[in-house]
């Protein structure tokens, strides 16, 4: 009987000690949780992640910025719109046939061709969507003046120039490169800004690569009637 009494007493003591320890642990956990900043505790069911979308410029915004940079002869801004892999093609007319050079950057102080400097132009906005101005070498006049881009068609002047360079100048531009130029044109638009026959027009193409627009062609041959 005495042994039983001591056994019960020992069990009760163990239970009381265990209960106190559990309360201390619960209190320690509560203190630790209270010391953690709320914004570091992940709550998948209640936290809504904010997705920041990259600000992208529209086609029209890019066309206007490039045109204004060109009239200001701002090489830095022009270069900001040249894709590092696509580069920029300058189409020009050295004689009876158009040709082009491919560059990684653009510099107003280094014209293409060398004897034809980049004229200081004035901006002829606002930009308008519609049929592009056409130049008549007979009358030496444009059928309309201003700044236009054609959103209903894709340009082919670059690939056609490459084709003629192969046929007439034996340029040996391979089929892989020709196809690359055509692929660029499928993502491109052509714009023309002009005022009158005495001022050189600004004719250029912009191409979408990813989510951004880049200048890929400056056409200095169009409206050239020397040949």
C-alpha atoms as a PDB file:
ATOM      1  CA  UNK A   1       0.000   0.000   0.000  1.00  0.00           C
ATOM      2  CA  UNK A   2       2.812   2.398   0.865  1.00  0.00           C
ATOM      3  CA  UNK A   3       4.611   1.564  -2.386  1.00  0.00           C
ATOM      4  CA  UNK A   4       1.441   2.314  -4.329  1.00  0.00           C
ATOM      5  CA  UNK A   5       1.142   5.719  -2.639  1.00  0.00           C
ATOM      6  CA  UNK A   6       4.709   6.642  -3.617  1.00  0.00           C
ATOM      7  CA  UNK A   7       4.096   5.463  -7.227  1.00  0.00           C
ATOM      8  CA  UNK A   8       0.991   7.669  -7.579  1.00  0.00           C
ATOM      9  CA  UNK A   9       2.865  10.624  -6.070  1.00  0.00           C
ATOM     10  CA  UNK A  10       5.741  10.221  -8.527  1.00  0.00           C
ATOM     11  CA  UNK A  11       3.341  10.079 -11.496  1.00  0.00           C
ATOM     12  CA  UNK A  12       1.569  13.244 -10.342  1.00  0.00           C
ATOM     13  CA  UNK A  13       4.891  15.066  -9.972  1.00  0.00           C
ATOM     14  CA  UNK A  14       5.990  14.070 -13.467  1.00  0.00           C
ATOM     15  CA  UNK A  15       2.682  15.287 -14.906  1.00  0.00           C
ATOM     16  CA  UNK A  16       2.925  18.679 -13.188  1.00  0.00           C
ATOM     17  CA  UNK A  17       6.545  19.193 -14.368  1.00  0.00           C
ATOM     18  CA  UNK A  18       5.635  18.196 -17.943  1.00  0.00           C
ATOM     19  CA  UNK A  19       2.702  20.602 -17.965  1.00  0.00           C
ATOM     20  CA  UNK A  20       4.893  23.479 -16.776  1.00  0.00           C
ATOM     21  CA  UNK A  21       7.522  22.690 -19.410  1.00  0.00           C
ATOM     22  CA  UNK A  22       4.884  22.625 -22.160  1.00  0.00           C
ATOM     23  CA  UNK A  23       3.568  26.020 -21.014  1.00  0.00           C
ATOM     24  CA  UNK A  24       7.103  27.448 -21.049  1.00  0.00           C
ATOM     25  CA  UNK A  25       7.697  26.089 -24.565  1.00  0.00           C
ATOM     26  CA  UNK A  26       4.374  27.490 -25.806  1.00  0.00           C
ATOM     27  CA  UNK A  27       5.237  30.863 -24.280  1.00  0.00           C
ATOM     28  CA  UNK A  28       8.714  30.792 -25.888  1.00  0.00           C
ATOM     29  CA  UNK A  29       7.221  29.970 -29.300  1.00  0.00           C
ATOM     30  CA  UNK A  30       4.678  32.802 -28.893  1.00  0.00           C
ATOM     31  CA  UNK A  31       7.459  35.269 -28.032  1.00  0.00           C
ATOM     32  CA  UNK A  32       9.536  34.115 -31.002  1.00  0.00           C
ATOM     33  CA  UNK A  33       6.582  34.483 -33.381  1.00  0.00           C
ATOM     34  CA  UNK A  34       5.771  37.929 -32.061  1.00  0.00           C
ATOM     35  CA  UNK A  35       9.346  39.035 -32.734  1.00  0.00           C
ATOM     36  CA  UNK A  36       9.176  38.108 -36.470  1.00  0.00           C
ATOM     37  CA  UNK A  37       8.114  41.009 -38.740  1.00  0.00           C
ATOM     38  CA  UNK A  38       4.728  40.308 -40.278  1.00  0.00           C
ATOM     39  CA  UNK A  39       5.948  41.068 -43.811  1.00  0.00           C
ATOM     40  CA  UNK A  40       8.420  38.165 -43.642  1.00  0.00           C
ATOM     41  CA  UNK A  41       5.793  35.556 -42.815  1.00  0.00           C
ATOM     42  CA  UNK A  42       4.556  33.834 -45.953  1.00  0.00           C
ATOM     43  CA  UNK A  43       0.814  33.444 -46.229  1.00  0.00           C
ATOM     44  CA  UNK A  44       0.108  31.880 -49.637  1.00  0.00           C
ATOM     45  CA  UNK A  45      -3.657  32.092 -49.231  1.00  0.00           C
ATOM     46  CA  UNK A  46      -3.763  35.792 -48.453  1.00  0.00           C
ATOM     47  CA  UNK A  47      -0.742  37.397 -50.185  1.00  0.00           C
ATOM     48  CA  UNK A  48      -1.341  38.712 -53.703  1.00  0.00           C
ATOM     49  CA  UNK A  49       1.833  39.062 -55.713  1.00  0.00           C
ATOM     50  CA  UNK A  50       2.183  42.289 -57.662  1.00  0.00           C
ATOM     51  CA  UNK A  51       3.449  41.755 -61.181  1.00  0.00           C
ATOM     52  CA  UNK A  52       5.287  44.751 -62.561  1.00  0.00           C
ATOM     53  CA  UNK A  53       4.868  45.056 -66.294  1.00  0.00           C
ATOM     54  CA  UNK A  54       7.728  46.613 -68.241  1.00  0.00           C
ATOM     55  CA  UNK A  55       6.747  49.895 -69.761  1.00  0.00           C
ATOM     56  CA  UNK A  56       6.834  49.388 -73.519  1.00  0.00           C
ATOM     57  CA  UNK A  57       6.638  52.116 -76.135  1.00  0.00           C
ATOM     58  CA  UNK A  58       4.033  51.974 -78.868  1.00  0.00           C
ATOM     59  CA  UNK A  59       4.942  51.867 -82.541  1.00  0.00           C
ATOM     60  CA  UNK A  60       3.795  55.460 -82.952  1.00  0.00           C
ATOM     61  CA  UNK A  61       5.842  56.697 -79.981  1.00  0.00           C
ATOM     62  CA  UNK A  62       8.996  55.066 -81.334  1.00  0.00           C
ATOM     63  CA  UNK A  63       8.449  56.445 -84.855  1.00  0.00           C
ATOM     64  CA  UNK A  64       8.086  59.972 -83.489  1.00  0.00           C
ATOM     65  CA  UNK A  65      11.095  59.721 -81.158  1.00  0.00           C
ATOM     66  CA  UNK A  66      13.332  58.407 -83.945  1.00  0.00           C
ATOM     67  CA  UNK A  67      12.164  61.100 -86.376  1.00  0.00           C
ATOM     68  CA  UNK A  68      12.786  63.852 -83.837  1.00  0.00           C
ATOM     69  CA  UNK A  69      16.206  62.422 -82.970  1.00  0.00           C
ATOM     70  CA  UNK A  70      17.102  62.313 -86.655  1.00  0.00           C
ATOM     71  CA  UNK A  71      16.074  65.924 -87.250  1.00  0.00           C
ATOM     72  CA  UNK A  72      18.087  66.942 -84.170  1.00  0.00           C
ATOM     73  CA  UNK A  73      21.015  64.828 -85.445  1.00  0.00           C
ATOM     74  CA  UNK A  74      21.010  63.021 -82.102  1.00  0.00           C
ATOM     75  CA  UNK A  75      23.165  59.940 -82.741  1.00  0.00           C
ATOM     76  CA  UNK A  76      22.882  58.754 -79.127  1.00  0.00           C
ATOM     77  CA  UNK A  77      19.103  58.411 -79.243  1.00  0.00           C
ATOM     78  CA  UNK A  78      19.220  56.744 -82.656  1.00  0.00           C
ATOM     79  CA  UNK A  79      21.720  54.206 -81.315  1.00  0.00           C
ATOM     80  CA  UNK A  80      19.467  53.498 -78.343  1.00  0.00           C
ATOM     81  CA  UNK A  81      16.938  52.197 -80.871  1.00  0.00           C
ATOM     82  CA  UNK A  82      19.383  49.944 -82.742  1.00  0.00           C
ATOM     83  CA  UNK A  83      19.154  46.282 -81.765  1.00  0.00           C
ATOM     84  CA  UNK A  84      22.595  44.828 -80.886  1.00  0.00           C
ATOM     85  CA  UNK A  85      22.051  41.776 -83.115  1.00  0.00           C
ATOM     86  CA  UNK A  86      19.919  43.213 -85.925  1.00  0.00           C
ATOM     87  CA  UNK A  87      22.046  46.318 -86.443  1.00  0.00           C
ATOM     88  CA  UNK A  88      21.023  48.965 -88.977  1.00  0.00           C
ATOM     89  CA  UNK A  89      21.043  48.886 -92.796  1.00  0.00           C
ATOM     90  CA  UNK A  90      21.690  52.064 -94.784  1.00  0.00           C
ATOM     91  CA  UNK A  91      20.324  51.841 -98.333  1.00  0.00           C
ATOM     92  CA  UNK A  92      21.906  54.292-100.776  1.00  0.00           C
ATOM     93  CA  UNK A  93      22.348  54.765-104.522  1.00  0.00           C
ATOM     94  CA  UNK A  94      25.975  54.954-105.645  1.00  0.00           C
ATOM     95  CA  UNK A  95      24.994  54.867-109.322  1.00  0.00           C
ATOM     96  CA  UNK A  96      22.174  53.295-111.270  1.00  0.00           C
ATOM     97  CA  UNK A  97      21.481  50.652-108.652  1.00  0.00           C
ATOM     98  CA  UNK A  98      20.669  50.748-104.959  1.00  0.00           C
ATOM     99  CA  UNK A  99      23.062  49.158-102.490  1.00  0.00           C
ATOM    100  CA  UNK A 100      23.331  48.932 -98.718  1.00  0.00           C
ATOM    101  CA  UNK A 101      25.785  48.723 -95.864  1.00  0.00           C
ATOM    102  CA  UNK A 102      25.119  46.950 -92.582  1.00  0.00           C
ATOM    103  CA  UNK A 103      26.313  48.692 -89.416  1.00  0.00           C
ATOM    104  CA  UNK A 104      26.150  48.015 -85.682  1.00  0.00           C
ATOM    105  CA  UNK A 105      25.704  51.718 -84.868  1.00  0.00           C
ATOM    106  CA  UNK A 106      24.871  55.063 -86.471  1.00  0.00           C
ATOM    107  CA  UNK A 107      26.902  58.270 -86.592  1.00  0.00           C
ATOM    108  CA  UNK A 108      25.833  61.525 -88.249  1.00  0.00           C
ATOM    109  CA  UNK A 109      29.482  62.479 -88.686  1.00  0.00           C
ATOM    110  CA  UNK A 110      30.106  59.360 -90.818  1.00  0.00           C
ATOM    111  CA  UNK A 111      27.511  59.451 -93.600  1.00  0.00           C
ATOM    112  CA  UNK A 112      26.740  56.631 -96.009  1.00  0.00           C
ATOM    113  CA  UNK A 113      27.866  57.230 -98.698  1.00  0.00           C
ATOM    114  CA  UNK A 114      30.735  59.430 -97.544  1.00  0.00           C
ATOM    115  CA  UNK A 115      30.064  62.147-100.144  1.00  0.00           C
ATOM    116  CA  UNK A 116      26.395  62.543 -99.124  1.00  0.00           C
ATOM    117  CA  UNK A 117      26.260  64.153 -95.686  1.00  0.00           C
ATOM    118  CA  UNK A 118      23.185  63.906 -93.482  1.00  0.00           C
ATOM    119  CA  UNK A 119      21.226  67.114 -93.956  1.00  0.00           C
ATOM    120  CA  UNK A 120      19.835  69.072 -91.047  1.00  0.00           C
ATOM    121  CA  UNK A 121      16.076  68.530 -91.313  1.00  0.00           C
ATOM    122  CA  UNK A 122      13.057  69.942 -89.522  1.00  0.00           C
ATOM    123  CA  UNK A 123      10.437  67.750 -87.872  1.00  0.00           C
ATOM    124  CA  UNK A 124       7.300  67.465 -90.024  1.00  0.00           C
ATOM    125  CA  UNK A 125       4.839  65.938 -87.569  1.00  0.00           C
ATOM    126  CA  UNK A 126       2.334  65.065 -86.428  1.00  0.00           C
ATOM    127  CA  UNK A 127       2.645  61.414 -87.410  1.00  0.00           C
ATOM    128  CA  UNK A 128      -0.229  60.096 -89.524  1.00  0.00           C
ATOM    129  CA  UNK A 129      -1.213  56.583 -90.542  1.00  0.00           C
ATOM    130  CA  UNK A 130      -1.994  56.067 -94.208  1.00  0.00           C
ATOM    131  CA  UNK A 131      -0.594  55.649 -97.670  1.00  0.00           C
ATOM    132  CA  UNK A 132       3.041  56.704 -97.858  1.00  0.00           C
ATOM    133  CA  UNK A 133       4.110  59.776 -99.833  1.00  0.00           C
ATOM    134  CA  UNK A 134       5.275  58.974-103.375  1.00  0.00           C
ATOM    135  CA  UNK A 135       7.906  60.927-105.283  1.00  0.00           C
ATOM    136  CA  UNK A 136       7.519  61.632-108.997  1.00  0.00           C
ATOM    137  CA  UNK A 137      10.877  61.927-110.771  1.00  0.00           C
ATOM    138  CA  UNK A 138       9.112  63.557-113.729  1.00  0.00           C
ATOM    139  CA  UNK A 139       7.694  66.499-111.804  1.00  0.00           C
ATOM    140  CA  UNK A 140      10.278  66.216-109.005  1.00  0.00           C
ATOM    141  CA  UNK A 141       7.489  66.563-106.473  1.00  0.00           C
ATOM    142  CA  UNK A 142       5.887  64.565-103.698  1.00  0.00           C
ATOM    143  CA  UNK A 143       2.206  63.711-103.987  1.00  0.00           C
ATOM    144  CA  UNK A 144       1.773  64.744-100.332  1.00  0.00           C
ATOM    145  CA  UNK A 145       3.878  66.242 -97.575  1.00  0.00           C
ATOM    146  CA  UNK A 146       4.235  65.400 -93.887  1.00  0.00           C
ATOM    147  CA  UNK A 147       5.102  62.423 -91.719  1.00  0.00           C
ATOM    148  CA  UNK A 148       3.367  59.135 -92.561  1.00  0.00           C
ATOM    149  CA  UNK A 149       3.638  55.433 -91.796  1.00  0.00           C
ATOM    150  CA  UNK A 150       1.859  52.574 -93.521  1.00  0.00           C
ATOM    151  CA  UNK A 151       0.446  50.096 -91.021  1.00  0.00           C
ATOM    152  CA  UNK A 152      -1.364  48.063 -93.685  1.00  0.00           C
ATOM    153  CA  UNK A 153       1.702  46.778 -95.531  1.00  0.00           C
ATOM    154  CA  UNK A 154       5.211  45.518 -94.904  1.00  0.00           C
ATOM    155  CA  UNK A 155       8.305  46.935 -96.613  1.00  0.00           C
ATOM    156  CA  UNK A 156      10.450  44.846 -98.975  1.00  0.00           C
ATOM    157  CA  UNK A 157      13.027  47.436-100.056  1.00  0.00           C
ATOM    158  CA  UNK A 158      15.829  45.812 -98.060  1.00  0.00           C
ATOM    159  CA  UNK A 159      15.431  42.278 -99.445  1.00  0.00           C
ATOM    160  CA  UNK A 160      14.865  43.622-102.974  1.00  0.00           C
ATOM    161  CA  UNK A 161      18.081  45.647-102.733  1.00  0.00           C
ATOM    162  CA  UNK A 162      19.961  42.524-101.656  1.00  0.00           C
ATOM    163  CA  UNK A 163      18.436  40.573-104.536  1.00  0.00           C
ATOM    164  CA  UNK A 164      19.528  43.171-107.115  1.00  0.00           C
ATOM    165  CA  UNK A 165      22.971  43.410-105.534  1.00  0.00           C
ATOM    166  CA  UNK A 166      23.354  39.683-106.194  1.00  0.00           C
ATOM    167  CA  UNK A 167      22.009  39.841-109.742  1.00  0.00           C
ATOM    168  CA  UNK A 168      23.798  42.975-110.950  1.00  0.00           C
ATOM    169  CA  UNK A 169      26.764  43.465-108.637  1.00  0.00           C
ATOM    170  CA  UNK A 170      27.483  39.788-107.976  1.00  0.00           C
ATOM    171  CA  UNK A 171      27.431  40.569-104.233  1.00  0.00           C
ATOM    172  CA  UNK A 172      27.144  36.891-103.252  1.00  0.00           C
ATOM    173  CA  UNK A 173      24.646  37.450-100.451  1.00  0.00           C
ATOM    174  CA  UNK A 174      23.719  33.886 -99.481  1.00  0.00           C
ATOM    175  CA  UNK A 175      20.202  32.503 -99.169  1.00  0.00           C
ATOM    176  CA  UNK A 176      20.399  32.355 -95.377  1.00  0.00           C
ATOM    177  CA  UNK A 177      21.044  36.088 -95.212  1.00  0.00           C
ATOM    178  CA  UNK A 178      18.367  36.830 -97.798  1.00  0.00           C
ATOM    179  CA  UNK A 179      15.838  34.884 -95.749  1.00  0.00           C
ATOM    180  CA  UNK A 180      16.952  36.741 -92.614  1.00  0.00           C
ATOM    181  CA  UNK A 181      16.256  40.051 -94.332  1.00  0.00           C
ATOM    182  CA  UNK A 182      12.800  38.848 -95.375  1.00  0.00           C
ATOM    183  CA  UNK A 183      12.088  37.746 -91.808  1.00  0.00           C
ATOM    184  CA  UNK A 184      13.057  41.192 -90.540  1.00  0.00           C
ATOM    185  CA  UNK A 185      10.658  42.775 -93.048  1.00  0.00           C
ATOM    186  CA  UNK A 186       7.736  40.646 -91.848  1.00  0.00           C
ATOM    187  CA  UNK A 187       8.033  42.423 -88.485  1.00  0.00           C
ATOM    188  CA  UNK A 188       8.680  45.900 -89.924  1.00  0.00           C
ATOM    189  CA  UNK A 189       6.892  49.085 -90.927  1.00  0.00           C
ATOM    190  CA  UNK A 190       8.059  51.851 -93.272  1.00  0.00           C
ATOM    191  CA  UNK A 191       7.762  55.562 -92.522  1.00  0.00           C
ATOM    192  CA  UNK A 192       8.470  58.641 -94.656  1.00  0.00           C
ATOM    193  CA  UNK A 193       8.834  62.217 -93.483  1.00  0.00           C
ATOM    194  CA  UNK A 194       9.185  64.957 -96.085  1.00  0.00           C
ATOM    195  CA  UNK A 195       8.433  68.616 -96.627  1.00  0.00           C
ATOM    196  CA  UNK A 196       9.320  69.529-100.221  1.00  0.00           C
ATOM    197  CA  UNK A 197      11.582  68.561-103.108  1.00  0.00           C
ATOM    198  CA  UNK A 198      14.407  70.801-101.878  1.00  0.00           C
ATOM    199  CA  UNK A 199      14.785  68.973 -98.579  1.00  0.00           C
ATOM    200  CA  UNK A 200      15.981  65.389 -98.264  1.00  0.00           C
ATOM    201  CA  UNK A 201      13.282  63.061 -96.926  1.00  0.00           C
ATOM    202  CA  UNK A 202      13.754  60.804 -93.931  1.00  0.00           C
ATOM    203  CA  UNK A 203      12.746  57.289 -94.939  1.00  0.00           C
ATOM    204  CA  UNK A 204      13.187  54.505 -92.396  1.00  0.00           C
ATOM    205  CA  UNK A 205      11.935  51.151 -91.166  1.00  0.00           C
ATOM    206  CA  UNK A 206      11.248  50.021 -87.613  1.00  0.00           C
ATOM    207  CA  UNK A 207      11.147  46.371 -86.595  1.00  0.00           C
ATOM    208  CA  UNK A 208       9.599  44.666 -83.600  1.00  0.00           C
ATOM    209  CA  UNK A 209      11.977  42.369 -81.746  1.00  0.00           C
ATOM    210  CA  UNK A 210      10.482  40.820 -78.617  1.00  0.00           C
ATOM    211  CA  UNK A 211       8.269  43.510 -77.120  1.00  0.00           C
ATOM    212  CA  UNK A 212      10.256  46.498 -78.391  1.00  0.00           C
ATOM    213  CA  UNK A 213      10.603  48.466 -81.619  1.00  0.00           C
ATOM    214  CA  UNK A 214      13.988  49.192 -83.237  1.00  0.00           C
ATOM    215  CA  UNK A 215      15.152  51.153 -86.262  1.00  0.00           C
ATOM    216  CA  UNK A 216      16.607  48.699 -88.797  1.00  0.00           C
ATOM    217  CA  UNK A 217      16.730  50.604 -92.105  1.00  0.00           C
ATOM    218  CA  UNK A 218      17.419  54.135 -93.278  1.00  0.00           C
ATOM    219  CA  UNK A 219      16.606  54.395 -96.986  1.00  0.00           C
ATOM    220  CA  UNK A 220      18.614  57.206 -98.581  1.00  0.00           C
ATOM    221  CA  UNK A 221      17.988  55.932-102.114  1.00  0.00           C
ATOM    222  CA  UNK A 222      14.251  56.574-102.360  1.00  0.00           C
ATOM    223  CA  UNK A 223      13.400  59.761-104.260  1.00  0.00           C
ATOM    224  CA  UNK A 224      16.845  59.766-105.787  1.00  0.00           C
ATOM    225  CA  UNK A 225      16.416  60.482-109.499  1.00  0.00           C
ATOM    226  CA  UNK A 226      20.050  60.888-110.545  1.00  0.00           C
ATOM    227  CA  UNK A 227      20.409  57.594-112.397  1.00  0.00           C
END
